[in-house]
C-alpha atoms as a PDB file:
ATOM      1  CA  MET A   1      60.538 -17.972  12.834  1.00  0.00           C
ATOM      2  CA  VAL A   2      61.608 -17.197   9.286  1.00  0.00           C
ATOM      3  CA  ALA A   3      65.240 -17.041   8.298  1.00  0.00           C
ATOM      4  CA  VAL A   4      66.887 -16.588   4.937  1.00  0.00           C
ATOM      5  CA  GLY A   5      69.667 -18.731   3.592  1.00  0.00           C
ATOM      6  CA  ALA A   6      71.134 -19.901   0.318  1.00  0.00           C
ATOM      7  CA  GLY A   7      70.571 -23.559   1.104  1.00  0.00           C
ATOM      8  CA  ALA A   8      68.866 -25.870   3.540  1.00  0.00           C
ATOM      9  CA  PRO A   9      70.659 -27.418   6.539  1.00  0.00           C
ATOM     10  CA  GLU A  10      71.315 -31.133   6.344  1.00  0.00           C
ATOM     11  CA  GLY A  11      68.281 -33.217   7.195  1.00  0.00           C
ATOM     12  CA  TRP A  12      65.742 -30.476   6.538  1.00  0.00           C
ATOM     13  CA  LEU A  13      62.827 -30.964   4.156  1.00  0.00           C
ATOM     14  CA  VAL A  14      62.834 -28.738   1.073  1.00  0.00           C
ATOM     15  CA  GLY A  15      59.911 -27.769  -1.132  1.00  0.00           C
ATOM     16  CA  GLN A  16      58.739 -25.151  -3.561  1.00  0.00           C
ATOM     17  CA  GLY A  17      55.327 -23.831  -4.474  1.00  0.00           C
ATOM     18  CA  THR A  18      53.571 -21.121  -6.405  1.00  0.00           C
ATOM     19  CA  ALA A  19      50.178 -19.474  -6.616  1.00  0.00           C
ATOM     20  CA  LEU A  20      48.469 -17.042  -8.955  1.00  0.00           C
ATOM     21  CA  ALA A  21      45.861 -14.431  -8.031  1.00  0.00           C
ATOM     22  CA  MET A  22      43.924 -11.814  -9.936  1.00  0.00           C
ATOM     23  CA  ILE A  23      42.191  -8.710  -8.658  1.00  0.00           C
ATOM     24  CA  ALA A  24      39.640  -6.251  -9.992  1.00  0.00           C
ATOM     25  CA  THR A  25      38.899  -4.149  -6.940  1.00  0.00           C
ATOM     26  CA  GLY A  26      36.375  -1.387  -6.610  1.00  0.00           C
ATOM     27  CA  PRO A  27      33.325  -0.483  -4.551  1.00  0.00           C
ATOM     28  CA  PRO A  28      29.787  -1.401  -5.667  1.00  0.00           C
ATOM     29  CA  GLY A  29      28.627   1.019  -8.316  1.00  0.00           C
ATOM     30  CA  GLY A  30      32.147   2.025  -9.240  1.00  0.00           C
ATOM     31  CA  HIS A  31      34.776   4.447  -8.011  1.00  0.00           C
ATOM     32  CA  TYR A  32      34.597   8.127  -9.019  1.00  0.00           C
ATOM     33  CA  ALA A  33      37.271  10.804  -9.087  1.00  0.00           C
ATOM     34  CA  ASP A  34      37.521  14.432 -10.163  1.00  0.00           C
ATOM     35  CA  ALA A  35      40.578  16.556 -10.831  1.00  0.00           C
ATOM     36  CA  ARG A  36      41.360  20.090 -11.936  1.00  0.00           C
ATOM     37  CA  VAL A  37      44.664  21.300 -13.378  1.00  0.00           C
ATOM     38  CA  SER A  38      45.234  25.067 -13.579  1.00  0.00           C
ATOM     39  CA  LEU A  39      47.941  27.366 -14.901  1.00  0.00           C
ATOM     40  CA  LEU A  40      49.093  29.775 -12.185  1.00  0.00           C
ATOM     41  CA  ALA A  41      50.254  33.382 -12.458  1.00  0.00           C
ATOM     42  CA  ASP A  42      53.931  32.429 -12.107  1.00  0.00           C
ATOM     43  CA  GLY A  43      53.765  29.974 -15.018  1.00  0.00           C
ATOM     44  CA  THR A  44      53.584  26.835 -12.869  1.00  0.00           C
ATOM     45  CA  TYR A  45      50.628  24.492 -12.472  1.00  0.00           C
ATOM     46  CA  ASP A  46      48.252  23.515  -9.694  1.00  0.00           C
ATOM     47  CA  ILE A  47      46.750  20.023  -9.504  1.00  0.00           C
ATOM     48  CA  ALA A  48      43.610  19.641  -7.398  1.00  0.00           C
ATOM     49  CA  VAL A  49      42.488  16.053  -6.851  1.00  0.00           C
ATOM     50  CA  GLY A  50      39.944  14.573  -4.489  1.00  0.00           C
ATOM     51  CA  THR A  51      41.796  11.430  -3.512  1.00  0.00           C
ATOM     52  CA  ALA A  52      44.095  11.292  -0.480  1.00  0.00           C
ATOM     53  CA  GLU A  53      47.796  10.620  -0.106  1.00  0.00           C
ATOM     54  CA  PHE A  54      48.452   8.224   2.783  1.00  0.00           C
ATOM     55  CA  GLY A  55      51.825   6.851   1.775  1.00  0.00           C
ATOM     56  CA  ASN A  56      50.608   5.048  -1.326  1.00  0.00           C
ATOM     57  CA  GLY A  57      52.571   7.332  -3.662  1.00  0.00           C
ATOM     58  CA  THR A  58      49.655   8.869  -5.557  1.00  0.00           C
ATOM     59  CA  THR A  59      51.089  12.381  -5.242  1.00  0.00           C
ATOM     60  CA  THR A  60      54.200  11.374  -7.163  1.00  0.00           C
ATOM     61  CA  VAL A  61      52.245   9.483  -9.814  1.00  0.00           C
ATOM     62  CA  HIS A  62      49.765  12.312 -10.328  1.00  0.00           C
ATOM     63  CA  LYS A  63      52.668  14.713 -10.804  1.00  0.00           C
ATOM     64  CA  GLN A  64      54.279  12.330 -13.297  1.00  0.00           C
ATOM     65  CA  ILE A  65      51.056  12.032 -15.279  1.00  0.00           C
ATOM     66  CA  THR A  66      50.544  15.799 -15.356  1.00  0.00           C
ATOM     67  CA  ALA A  67      54.155  16.542 -16.250  1.00  0.00           C
ATOM     68  CA  GLY A  68      53.956  14.166 -19.186  1.00  0.00           C
ATOM     69  CA  ALA A  69      50.690  15.611 -20.506  1.00  0.00           C
ATOM     70  CA  LEU A  70      51.882  19.226 -20.193  1.00  0.00           C
ATOM     71  CA  ASN A  71      55.470  18.582 -21.281  1.00  0.00           C
ATOM     72  CA  THR A  72      56.793  20.125 -18.086  1.00  0.00           C
ATOM     73  CA  THR A  73      58.799  19.090 -15.036  1.00  0.00           C
ATOM     74  CA  GLU A  74      57.548  17.908 -11.662  1.00  0.00           C
ATOM     75  CA  ASP A  75      59.156  20.812  -9.793  1.00  0.00           C
ATOM     76  CA  ARG A  76      56.724  23.132 -11.611  1.00  0.00           C
ATOM     77  CA  LEU A  77      53.689  21.343 -10.180  1.00  0.00           C
ATOM     78  CA  THR A  78      51.899  21.640  -6.849  1.00  0.00           C
ATOM     79  CA  VAL A  79      49.216  19.256  -5.606  1.00  0.00           C
ATOM     80  CA  ARG A  80      46.198  19.947  -3.425  1.00  0.00           C
ATOM     81  CA  GLN A  81      44.256  16.928  -2.227  1.00  0.00           C
ATOM     82  CA  SER A  82      41.141  15.815  -0.390  1.00  0.00           C
ATOM     83  CA  ASP A  83      39.462  19.200  -0.238  1.00  0.00           C
ATOM     84  CA  THR A  84      36.005  19.699  -1.730  1.00  0.00           C
ATOM     85  CA  ASP A  85      36.575  23.472  -1.596  1.00  0.00           C
ATOM     86  CA  VAL A  86      38.998  23.104  -4.518  1.00  0.00           C
ATOM     87  CA  VAL A  87      37.745  20.061  -6.443  1.00  0.00           C
ATOM     88  CA  ARG A  88      34.622  17.995  -6.783  1.00  0.00           C
ATOM     89  CA  HIS A  89      33.840  14.686  -5.082  1.00  0.00           C
ATOM     90  CA  ASP A  90      36.067  11.613  -4.918  1.00  0.00           C
ATOM     91  CA  THR A  91      34.792   8.322  -3.527  1.00  0.00           C
ATOM     92  CA  GLY A  92      38.027   7.693  -1.622  1.00  0.00           C
ATOM     93  CA  ALA A  93      41.593   6.420  -1.667  1.00  0.00           C
ATOM     94  CA  PHE A  94      40.840   2.722  -1.508  1.00  0.00           C
ATOM     95  CA  GLY A  95      40.280  -0.193  -3.848  1.00  0.00           C
ATOM     96  CA  SER A  96      43.607   0.297  -5.674  1.00  0.00           C
ATOM     97  CA  ALA A  97      42.136   3.390  -7.334  1.00  0.00           C
ATOM     98  CA  GLY A  98      44.830   6.029  -6.782  1.00  0.00           C
ATOM     99  CA  THR A  99      46.376   5.538 -10.214  1.00  0.00           C
ATOM    100  CA  VAL A 100      43.717   3.895 -12.363  1.00  0.00           C
ATOM    101  CA  VAL A 101      40.776   6.103 -11.325  1.00  0.00           C
ATOM    102  CA  ALA A 102      42.099   9.332  -9.770  1.00  0.00           C
ATOM    103  CA  GLY A 103      45.122   9.172 -12.079  1.00  0.00           C
ATOM    104  CA  LYS A 104      42.831   8.872 -15.097  1.00  0.00           C
ATOM    105  CA  ALA A 105      40.922  11.974 -13.966  1.00  0.00           C
ATOM    106  CA  VAL A 106      44.228  13.847 -13.600  1.00  0.00           C
ATOM    107  CA  LEU A 107      45.333  12.710 -17.063  1.00  0.00           C
ATOM    108  CA  LEU A 108      42.081  13.900 -18.635  1.00  0.00           C
ATOM    109  CA  ALA A 109      42.351  17.288 -16.900  1.00  0.00           C
ATOM    110  CA  ALA A 110      46.009  17.777 -17.816  1.00  0.00           C
ATOM    111  CA  GLY A 111      45.456  16.681 -21.414  1.00  0.00           C
ATOM    112  CA  SER A 112      42.508  19.051 -21.766  1.00  0.00           C
ATOM    113  CA  LEU A 113      44.546  21.948 -20.363  1.00  0.00           C
ATOM    114  CA  ALA A 114      47.391  21.209 -22.776  1.00  0.00           C
ATOM    115  CA  GLU A 115      44.934  21.467 -25.684  1.00  0.00           C
ATOM    116  CA  ARG A 116      43.581  24.761 -24.342  1.00  0.00           C
ATOM    117  CA  LEU A 117      47.067  26.251 -24.065  1.00  0.00           C
ATOM    118  CA  ARG A 118      47.925  25.158 -27.605  1.00  0.00           C
ATOM    119  CA  THR A 119      44.721  26.839 -28.758  1.00  0.00           C
ATOM    120  CA  PHE A 120      45.167  30.002 -26.675  1.00  0.00           C
ATOM    121  CA  ALA A 121      48.765  30.687 -27.747  1.00  0.00           C
ATOM    122  CA  PRO A 122      48.026  31.122 -31.484  1.00  0.00           C
ATOM    123  CA  ARG A 123      45.639  33.946 -30.595  1.00  0.00           C
ATOM    124  CA  ARG A 124      48.643  35.827 -29.206  1.00  0.00           C
ATOM    125  CA  THR A 125      51.003  35.034 -32.058  1.00  0.00           C
ATOM    126  CA  GLY A 126      48.848  34.644 -35.150  1.00  0.00           C
ATOM    127  CA  VAL A 127      50.703  31.424 -35.917  1.00  0.00           C
ATOM    128  CA  ALA A 128      48.760  28.313 -36.907  1.00  0.00           C
ATOM    129  CA  ARG A 129      47.888  26.055 -33.988  1.00  0.00           C
ATOM    130  CA  HIS A 130      49.642  22.993 -35.412  1.00  0.00           C
ATOM    131  CA  LEU A 131      52.931  24.939 -35.369  1.00  0.00           C
ATOM    132  CA  CYS A 132      52.711  25.646 -31.621  1.00  0.00           C
ATOM    133  CA  VAL A 133      54.630  23.385 -29.246  1.00  0.00           C
ATOM    134  CA  LEU A 134      53.975  23.444 -25.504  1.00  0.00           C
ATOM    135  CA  GLY A 135      57.130  23.470 -23.386  1.00  0.00           C
ATOM    136  CA  ALA A 136      58.008  23.610 -19.709  1.00  0.00           C
ATOM    137  CA  GLU A 137      57.880  27.424 -19.465  1.00  0.00           C
ATOM    138  CA  ALA A 138      56.454  28.632 -22.763  1.00  0.00           C
ATOM    139  CA  VAL A 139      54.656  27.822 -25.990  1.00  0.00           C
ATOM    140  CA  ASP A 140      56.875  28.005 -29.072  1.00  0.00           C
ATOM    141  CA  CYS A 141      54.895  28.986 -32.151  1.00  0.00           C
ATOM    142  CA  ALA A 142      57.321  28.584 -35.052  1.00  0.00           C
ATOM    143  CA  GLY A 143      59.974  30.596 -33.229  1.00  0.00           C
ATOM    144  CA  ARG A 144      57.613  33.123 -31.652  1.00  0.00           C
ATOM    145  CA  VAL A 145      57.693  32.278 -27.963  1.00  0.00           C
ATOM    146  CA  VAL A 146      54.878  33.067 -25.554  1.00  0.00           C
ATOM    147  CA  THR A 147      55.685  32.331 -21.941  1.00  0.00           C
ATOM    148  CA  LEU A 148      53.155  30.638 -19.704  1.00  0.00           C
ATOM    149  CA  LYS A 149      53.183  33.735 -17.491  1.00  0.00           C
ATOM    150  CA  GLU A 150      52.151  35.837 -20.492  1.00  0.00           C
ATOM    151  CA  LEU A 151      49.355  33.416 -21.322  1.00  0.00           C
ATOM    152  CA  TYR A 152      48.016  33.655 -17.783  1.00  0.00           C
ATOM    153  CA  GLU A 153      48.236  37.444 -17.815  1.00  0.00           C
ATOM    154  CA  ALA A 154      46.341  37.567 -21.115  1.00  0.00           C
ATOM    155  CA  ALA A 155      43.640  35.263 -19.788  1.00  0.00           C
ATOM    156  CA  GLU A 156      43.357  37.288 -16.587  1.00  0.00           C
ATOM    157  CA  ALA A 157      43.132  40.564 -18.527  1.00  0.00           C
ATOM    158  CA  ASN A 158      40.243  39.125 -20.531  1.00  0.00           C
ATOM    159  CA  GLY A 159      38.527  37.753 -17.429  1.00  0.00           C
ATOM    160  CA  ALA A 160      38.967  34.285 -18.866  1.00  0.00           C
ATOM    161  CA  THR A 161      41.202  32.406 -16.423  1.00  0.00           C
ATOM    162  CA  ASP A 162      38.953  29.366 -16.983  1.00  0.00           C
ATOM    163  CA  GLU A 163      40.641  29.118 -20.373  1.00  0.00           C
ATOM    164  CA  VAL A 164      43.898  28.212 -18.623  1.00  0.00           C
ATOM    165  CA  ALA A 165      42.344  25.542 -16.383  1.00  0.00           C
ATOM    166  CA  ALA A 166      40.615  22.251 -17.114  1.00  0.00           C
ATOM    167  CA  ASP A 167      38.634  19.587 -15.285  1.00  0.00           C
ATOM    168  CA  GLY A 168      38.803  15.816 -15.549  1.00  0.00           C
ATOM    169  CA  HIS A 169      36.396  13.151 -14.363  1.00  0.00           C
ATOM    170  CA  TRP A 170      36.641   9.379 -14.375  1.00  0.00           C
ATOM    171  CA  GLY A 171      34.601   6.686 -12.740  1.00  0.00           C
ATOM    172  CA  GLY A 172      32.004   4.001 -12.927  1.00  0.00           C
ATOM    173  CA  SER A 173      32.417   0.271 -13.218  1.00  0.00           C
ATOM    174  CA  PRO A 174      35.098  -0.341 -15.880  1.00  0.00           C
ATOM    175  CA  ARG A 175      38.143  -1.867 -14.182  1.00  0.00           C
ATOM    176  CA  SER A 176      40.844  -4.089 -15.603  1.00  0.00           C
ATOM    177  CA  VAL A 177      42.141  -7.264 -14.021  1.00  0.00           C
ATOM    178  CA  ALA A 178      45.659  -7.280 -12.556  1.00  0.00           C
ATOM    179  CA  PHE A 179      47.590 -10.490 -11.889  1.00  0.00           C
ATOM    180  CA  ASN A 180      50.130 -11.472  -9.238  1.00  0.00           C
ATOM    181  CA  ALA A 181      52.139 -14.679  -8.932  1.00  0.00           C
ATOM    182  CA  GLN A 182      54.230 -15.679  -5.896  1.00  0.00           C
ATOM    183  CA  TRP A 183      56.835 -18.461  -5.667  1.00  0.00           C
ATOM    184  CA  PHE A 184      58.623 -19.762  -2.588  1.00  0.00           C
ATOM    185  CA  ARG A 185      61.398 -22.225  -1.958  1.00  0.00           C
ATOM    186  CA  LEU A 186      61.564 -23.151   1.698  1.00  0.00           C
ATOM    187  CA  ALA A 187      63.054 -25.621   4.134  1.00  0.00           C
ATOM    188  CA  VAL A 188      61.442 -27.263   7.160  1.00  0.00           C
ATOM    189  CA  ASP A 189      63.190 -28.729  10.202  1.00  0.00           C
ATOM    190  CA  PRO A 190      61.284 -31.977  10.924  1.00  0.00           C
ATOM    191  CA  ASP A 191      62.564 -32.041  14.507  1.00  0.00           C
ATOM    192  CA  THR A 192      61.335 -28.552  15.520  1.00  0.00           C
ATOM    193  CA  GLY A 193      58.871 -27.359  12.871  1.00  0.00           C
ATOM    194  CA  GLU A 194      61.037 -24.324  12.059  1.00  0.00           C
ATOM    195  CA  ILE A 195      60.581 -22.960   8.538  1.00  0.00           C
ATOM    196  CA  ARG A 196      63.197 -21.053   6.576  1.00  0.00           C
ATOM    197  CA  ILE A 197      62.353 -19.213   3.377  1.00  0.00           C
ATOM    198  CA  LEU A 198      65.231 -19.860   1.016  1.00  0.00           C
ATOM    199  CA  ARG A 199      63.933 -17.779  -1.865  1.00  0.00           C
ATOM    200  CA  SER A 200      60.942 -15.553  -2.567  1.00  0.00           C
ATOM    201  CA  VAL A 201      59.968 -14.368  -6.057  1.00  0.00           C
ATOM    202  CA  HIS A 202      56.964 -12.253  -7.031  1.00  0.00           C
ATOM    203  CA  ALA A 203      55.761 -11.432 -10.552  1.00  0.00           C
ATOM    204  CA  ALA A 204      53.187  -8.691 -11.105  1.00  0.00           C
ATOM    205  CA  ASP A 205      51.120  -7.581 -14.073  1.00  0.00           C
ATOM    206  CA  ALA A 206      50.394  -3.936 -13.252  1.00  0.00           C
ATOM    207  CA  GLY A 207      50.076  -2.876 -16.882  1.00  0.00           C
ATOM    208  CA  LYS A 208      52.252   0.152 -17.565  1.00  0.00           C
ATOM    209  CA  VAL A 209      54.149   0.700 -14.317  1.00  0.00           C
ATOM    210  CA  MET A 210      54.134   4.448 -13.686  1.00  0.00           C
ATOM    211  CA  ASN A 211      56.828   4.469 -11.015  1.00  0.00           C
ATOM    212  CA  PRO A 212      58.762   1.177 -10.784  1.00  0.00           C
ATOM    213  CA  THR A 213      60.456   2.087  -7.493  1.00  0.00           C
ATOM    214  CA  GLN A 214      57.192   2.919  -5.750  1.00  0.00           C
ATOM    215  CA  CYS A 215      55.378  -0.051  -7.227  1.00  0.00           C
ATOM    216  CA  ARG A 216      58.210  -2.389  -6.230  1.00  0.00           C
ATOM    217  CA  GLY A 217      57.888  -1.072  -2.685  1.00  0.00           C
ATOM    218  CA  GLN A 218      54.169  -1.815  -2.741  1.00  0.00           C
ATOM    219  CA  VAL A 219      54.834  -5.391  -3.864  1.00  0.00           C
ATOM    220  CA  GLU A 220      57.549  -5.959  -1.275  1.00  0.00           C
ATOM    221  CA  GLY A 221      55.297  -4.508   1.425  1.00  0.00           C
ATOM    222  CA  GLY A 222      52.370  -6.650   0.317  1.00  0.00           C
ATOM    223  CA  VAL A 223      54.460  -9.818   0.508  1.00  0.00           C
ATOM    224  CA  ALA A 224      55.768  -8.867   3.954  1.00  0.00           C
ATOM    225  CA  GLN A 225      52.253  -8.122   5.210  1.00  0.00           C
ATOM    226  CA  ALA A 226      50.956 -11.407   3.823  1.00  0.00           C
ATOM    227  CA  LEU A 227      53.783 -13.326   5.487  1.00  0.00           C
ATOM    228  CA  GLY A 228      52.613 -11.817   8.762  1.00  0.00           C
ATOM    229  CA  ALA A 229      49.179 -13.332   8.224  1.00  0.00           C
ATOM    230  CA  THR A 230      50.676 -16.595   6.975  1.00  0.00           C
ATOM    231  CA  LEU A 231      53.151 -17.203   9.772  1.00  0.00           C
ATOM    232  CA  PHE A 232      52.385 -15.114  12.838  1.00  0.00           C
ATOM    233  CA  GLU A 233      49.236 -13.061  13.145  1.00  0.00           C
ATOM    234  CA  THR A 234      46.166 -14.524  14.829  1.00  0.00           C
ATOM    235  CA  VAL A 235      43.352 -13.080  16.918  1.00  0.00           C
ATOM    236  CA  ARG A 236      42.697 -15.268  19.951  1.00  0.00           C
ATOM    237  CA  VAL A 237      39.366 -15.123  21.761  1.00  0.00           C
ATOM    238  CA  ASP A 238      38.762 -16.677  25.201  1.00  0.00           C
ATOM    239  CA  HIS A 239      35.655 -18.530  26.418  1.00  0.00           C
ATOM    240  CA  ARG A 240      33.997 -15.223  27.333  1.00  0.00           C
ATOM    241  CA  GLY A 241      34.422 -13.844  23.836  1.00  0.00           C
ATOM    242  CA  GLU A 242      37.169 -11.432  24.884  1.00  0.00           C
ATOM    243  CA  VAL A 243      40.109 -10.860  22.550  1.00  0.00           C
ATOM    244  CA  THR A 244      43.262 -11.897  24.396  1.00  0.00           C
ATOM    245  CA  THR A 245      45.717 -10.672  21.749  1.00  0.00           C
ATOM    246  CA  ALA A 246      44.771  -7.031  22.270  1.00  0.00           C
ATOM    247  CA  ALA A 247      48.330  -5.662  22.473  1.00  0.00           C
ATOM    248  CA  PHE A 248      51.381  -6.006  20.269  1.00  0.00           C
ATOM    249  CA  ARG A 249      53.231  -7.792  23.072  1.00  0.00           C
ATOM    250  CA  ARG A 250      50.973 -10.764  22.417  1.00  0.00           C
ATOM    251  CA  TYR A 251      49.991 -10.158  18.798  1.00  0.00           C
ATOM    252  CA  ARG A 252      53.010 -11.300  16.791  1.00  0.00           C
ATOM    253  CA  LEU A 253      53.935  -9.141  13.805  1.00  0.00           C
ATOM    254  CA  PRO A 254      56.817  -9.891  11.429  1.00  0.00           C
ATOM    255  CA  GLN A 255      60.001  -7.999  12.117  1.00  0.00           C
ATOM    256  CA  TYR A 256      62.648  -6.986   9.617  1.00  0.00           C
ATOM    257  CA  ALA A 257      64.673 -10.147  10.255  1.00  0.00           C
ATOM    258  CA  ASP A 258      61.587 -12.300   9.641  1.00  0.00           C
ATOM    259  CA  VAL A 259      60.988 -11.044   6.116  1.00  0.00           C
ATOM    260  CA  PRO A 260      63.092 -12.408   3.265  1.00  0.00           C
ATOM    261  CA  ARG A 261      64.261 -10.417   0.292  1.00  0.00           C
ATOM    262  CA  THR A 262      61.654 -10.805  -2.423  1.00  0.00           C
ATOM    263  CA  GLU A 263      62.671 -10.623  -6.079  1.00  0.00           C
ATOM    264  CA  VAL A 264      60.095  -8.524  -7.923  1.00  0.00           C
ATOM    265  CA  HIS A 265      59.472  -8.807 -11.653  1.00  0.00           C
ATOM    266  CA  PHE A 266      57.031  -6.642 -13.618  1.00  0.00           C
ATOM    267  CA  MET A 267      55.380  -7.939 -16.771  1.00  0.00           C
ATOM    268  CA  GLU A 268      55.492  -5.678 -19.819  1.00  0.00           C
ATOM    269  CA  THR A 269      51.783  -5.212 -20.543  1.00  0.00           C
ATOM    270  CA  THR A 270      49.470  -2.295 -21.245  1.00  0.00           C
ATOM    271  CA  ASP A 271      45.822  -1.692 -20.511  1.00  0.00           C
ATOM    272  CA  ALA A 272      43.099  -0.094 -22.607  1.00  0.00           C
ATOM    273  CA  ILE A 273      41.238   1.415 -19.626  1.00  0.00           C
ATOM    274  CA  GLY A 274      43.826   2.660 -17.127  1.00  0.00           C
ATOM    275  CA  PRO A 275      45.764   5.904 -17.630  1.00  0.00           C
ATOM    276  CA  LEU A 276      48.647   5.416 -20.083  1.00  0.00           C
ATOM    277  CA  GLY A 277      48.075   1.640 -19.847  1.00  0.00           C
ATOM    278  CA  ALA A 278      48.334   1.276 -16.045  1.00  0.00           C
ATOM    279  CA  LYS A 279      46.476  -1.302 -13.963  1.00  0.00           C
ATOM    280  CA  SER A 280      45.688  -1.572 -10.258  1.00  0.00           C
ATOM    281  CA  MET A 281      48.286  -2.904  -7.833  1.00  0.00           C
ATOM    282  CA  SER A 282      48.498  -1.788  -4.175  1.00  0.00           C
ATOM    283  CA  GLU A 283      46.900  -4.564  -2.086  1.00  0.00           C
ATOM    284  CA  SER A 284      46.893  -7.273  -4.765  1.00  0.00           C
ATOM    285  CA  PRO A 285      50.427  -8.638  -4.022  1.00  0.00           C
ATOM    286  CA  PHE A 286      49.029  -9.887  -0.692  1.00  0.00           C
ATOM    287  CA  ASN A 287      46.710 -12.430  -2.274  1.00  0.00           C
ATOM    288  CA  PRO A 288      48.931 -15.247  -3.645  1.00  0.00           C
ATOM    289  CA  VAL A 289      51.422 -15.352  -0.754  1.00  0.00           C
ATOM    290  CA  ALA A 290      49.653 -17.682   1.700  1.00  0.00           C
ATOM    291  CA  PRO A 291      48.591 -20.250  -0.946  1.00  0.00           C
ATOM    292  CA  ALA A 292      52.074 -20.253  -2.501  1.00  0.00           C
ATOM    293  CA  PHE A 293      53.577 -20.789   0.941  1.00  0.00           C
ATOM    294  CA  ALA A 294      51.117 -23.613   1.687  1.00  0.00           C
ATOM    295  CA  ASN A 295      51.936 -25.261  -1.638  1.00  0.00           C
ATOM    296  CA  ALA A 296      55.662 -25.109  -0.908  1.00  0.00           C
ATOM    297  CA  LEU A 297      55.069 -26.481   2.583  1.00  0.00           C
ATOM    298  CA  ARG A 298      53.071 -29.390   1.194  1.00  0.00           C
ATOM    299  CA  ASP A 299      55.801 -30.081  -1.351  1.00  0.00           C
ATOM    300  CA  ALA A 300      58.340 -30.230   1.486  1.00  0.00           C
ATOM    301  CA  THR A 301      56.342 -32.212   4.040  1.00  0.00           C
ATOM    302  CA  GLY A 302      53.632 -34.035   2.099  1.00  0.00           C
ATOM    303  CA  ILE A 303      51.050 -32.411   4.401  1.00  0.00           C
ATOM    304  CA  ARG A 304      48.374 -29.969   3.273  1.00  0.00           C
ATOM    305  CA  PHE A 305      48.034 -27.157   5.815  1.00  0.00           C
ATOM    306  CA  THR A 306      44.624 -25.493   5.545  1.00  0.00           C
ATOM    307  CA  GLU A 307      44.806 -23.016   8.406  1.00  0.00           C
ATOM    308  CA  VAL A 308      46.923 -19.935   9.014  1.00  0.00           C
ATOM    309  CA  PRO A 309      49.084 -18.886  10.693  1.00  0.00           C
ATOM    310  CA  VAL A 310      51.368 -21.833   9.976  1.00  0.00           C
ATOM    311  CA  THR A 311      53.233 -21.610  13.270  1.00  0.00           C
ATOM    312  CA  ARG A 312      56.152 -23.801  14.282  1.00  0.00           C
ATOM    313  CA  ASP A 313      54.097 -25.783  16.799  1.00  0.00           C
ATOM    314  CA  ARG A 314      51.401 -26.537  14.225  1.00  0.00           C
ATOM    315  CA  VAL A 315      53.996 -27.715  11.754  1.00  0.00           C
ATOM    316  CA  TRP A 316      55.728 -29.915  14.321  1.00  0.00           C
ATOM    317  CA  LEU A 317      52.458 -31.455  15.543  1.00  0.00           C
ATOM    318  CA  ALA A 318      51.344 -32.170  11.969  1.00  0.00           C
ATOM    319  CA  LEU A 319      54.683 -33.793  11.169  1.00  0.00           C
ATOM    320  CA  ASP A 320      54.524 -35.830  14.363  1.00  0.00           C
ATOM    321  CA  ARG A 321      51.022 -37.096  13.562  1.00  0.00           C
ATOM    322  CA  HIS A 322      52.018 -37.787   9.980  1.00  0.00           C
ATOM    323  CA  ASP A 323      55.062 -39.800  11.031  1.00  0.00           C
ATOM    324  CA  SER A 324      53.046 -41.812  13.538  1.00  0.00           C
ATOM    325  CA  VAL A 325      50.583 -43.038  10.892  1.00  0.00           C
ATOM    326  CA  PRO A 326      51.737 -46.350   9.362  1.00  0.00           C
ATOM    327  CA  GLY A 327      52.579 -46.166   5.683  1.00  0.00           C
ATOM    328  CA  THR A 328      53.127 -42.409   5.602  1.00  0.00           C
END
């Protein structure tokens, strides 16, 4: 059982430990993504992207990227995903690629469309291109305003709606390395083997963090998931090879009360490959949790635990054996 408290009860063993992990995920041969951003008849934009939204927050990030490139607002953007009828192939929403691969394709498409609109508007106004500024609803060419609706209508009248749409592609092997560090301070009851996490701190280098709230949620979720593997979750197989923990009644998962509050800190870095300086994150917060916990447990008890989950009975038995050895 994990509990959270400011300090350790009297007689408990206290220790702290940390671990650092790095990740550069991606399938063999690289991850590929395509995107298309189009101006619509009502002056809003459509984003078509091959990757899928499954709760990882890519929809929000892709809207943020597009809004920034087109100098517009997110309420003027719609997203269509995971449909090869509207966009070319994407290798999939896995490998921490939603931002750094699919997001890069979206950025390239949106940036290309912005350039096309800045080029198309001067044809309507006769004003030099460098004097035209793209806004949320119009292009301002030195005071002569052309709305986005008018630009679409002009393109449609000329049979050139491709001029108000653009494609983006990104993929291959280049991936940057993201870093995660976890630190725990915990207390151990030598009489029962109970462990209490007194403090949990996680530092992440995700490059330029596109959406701090979403990314913080990913880190907190990764730590909670990793604590499940560290403290509770185990697949038990009987002598016939049958899995005996086949239902959640017997397969222990962490509950809300089992997970401590984790302080999350983002490093201020930027990346030369990812869109706008972003790096991968997603599953990488999972990696340093178990080793950091094991290091803190060793600091508290003097015993190196090399197997997870570190259950209360395993801790108690190890302490009992340790205490029974002379000189320890």
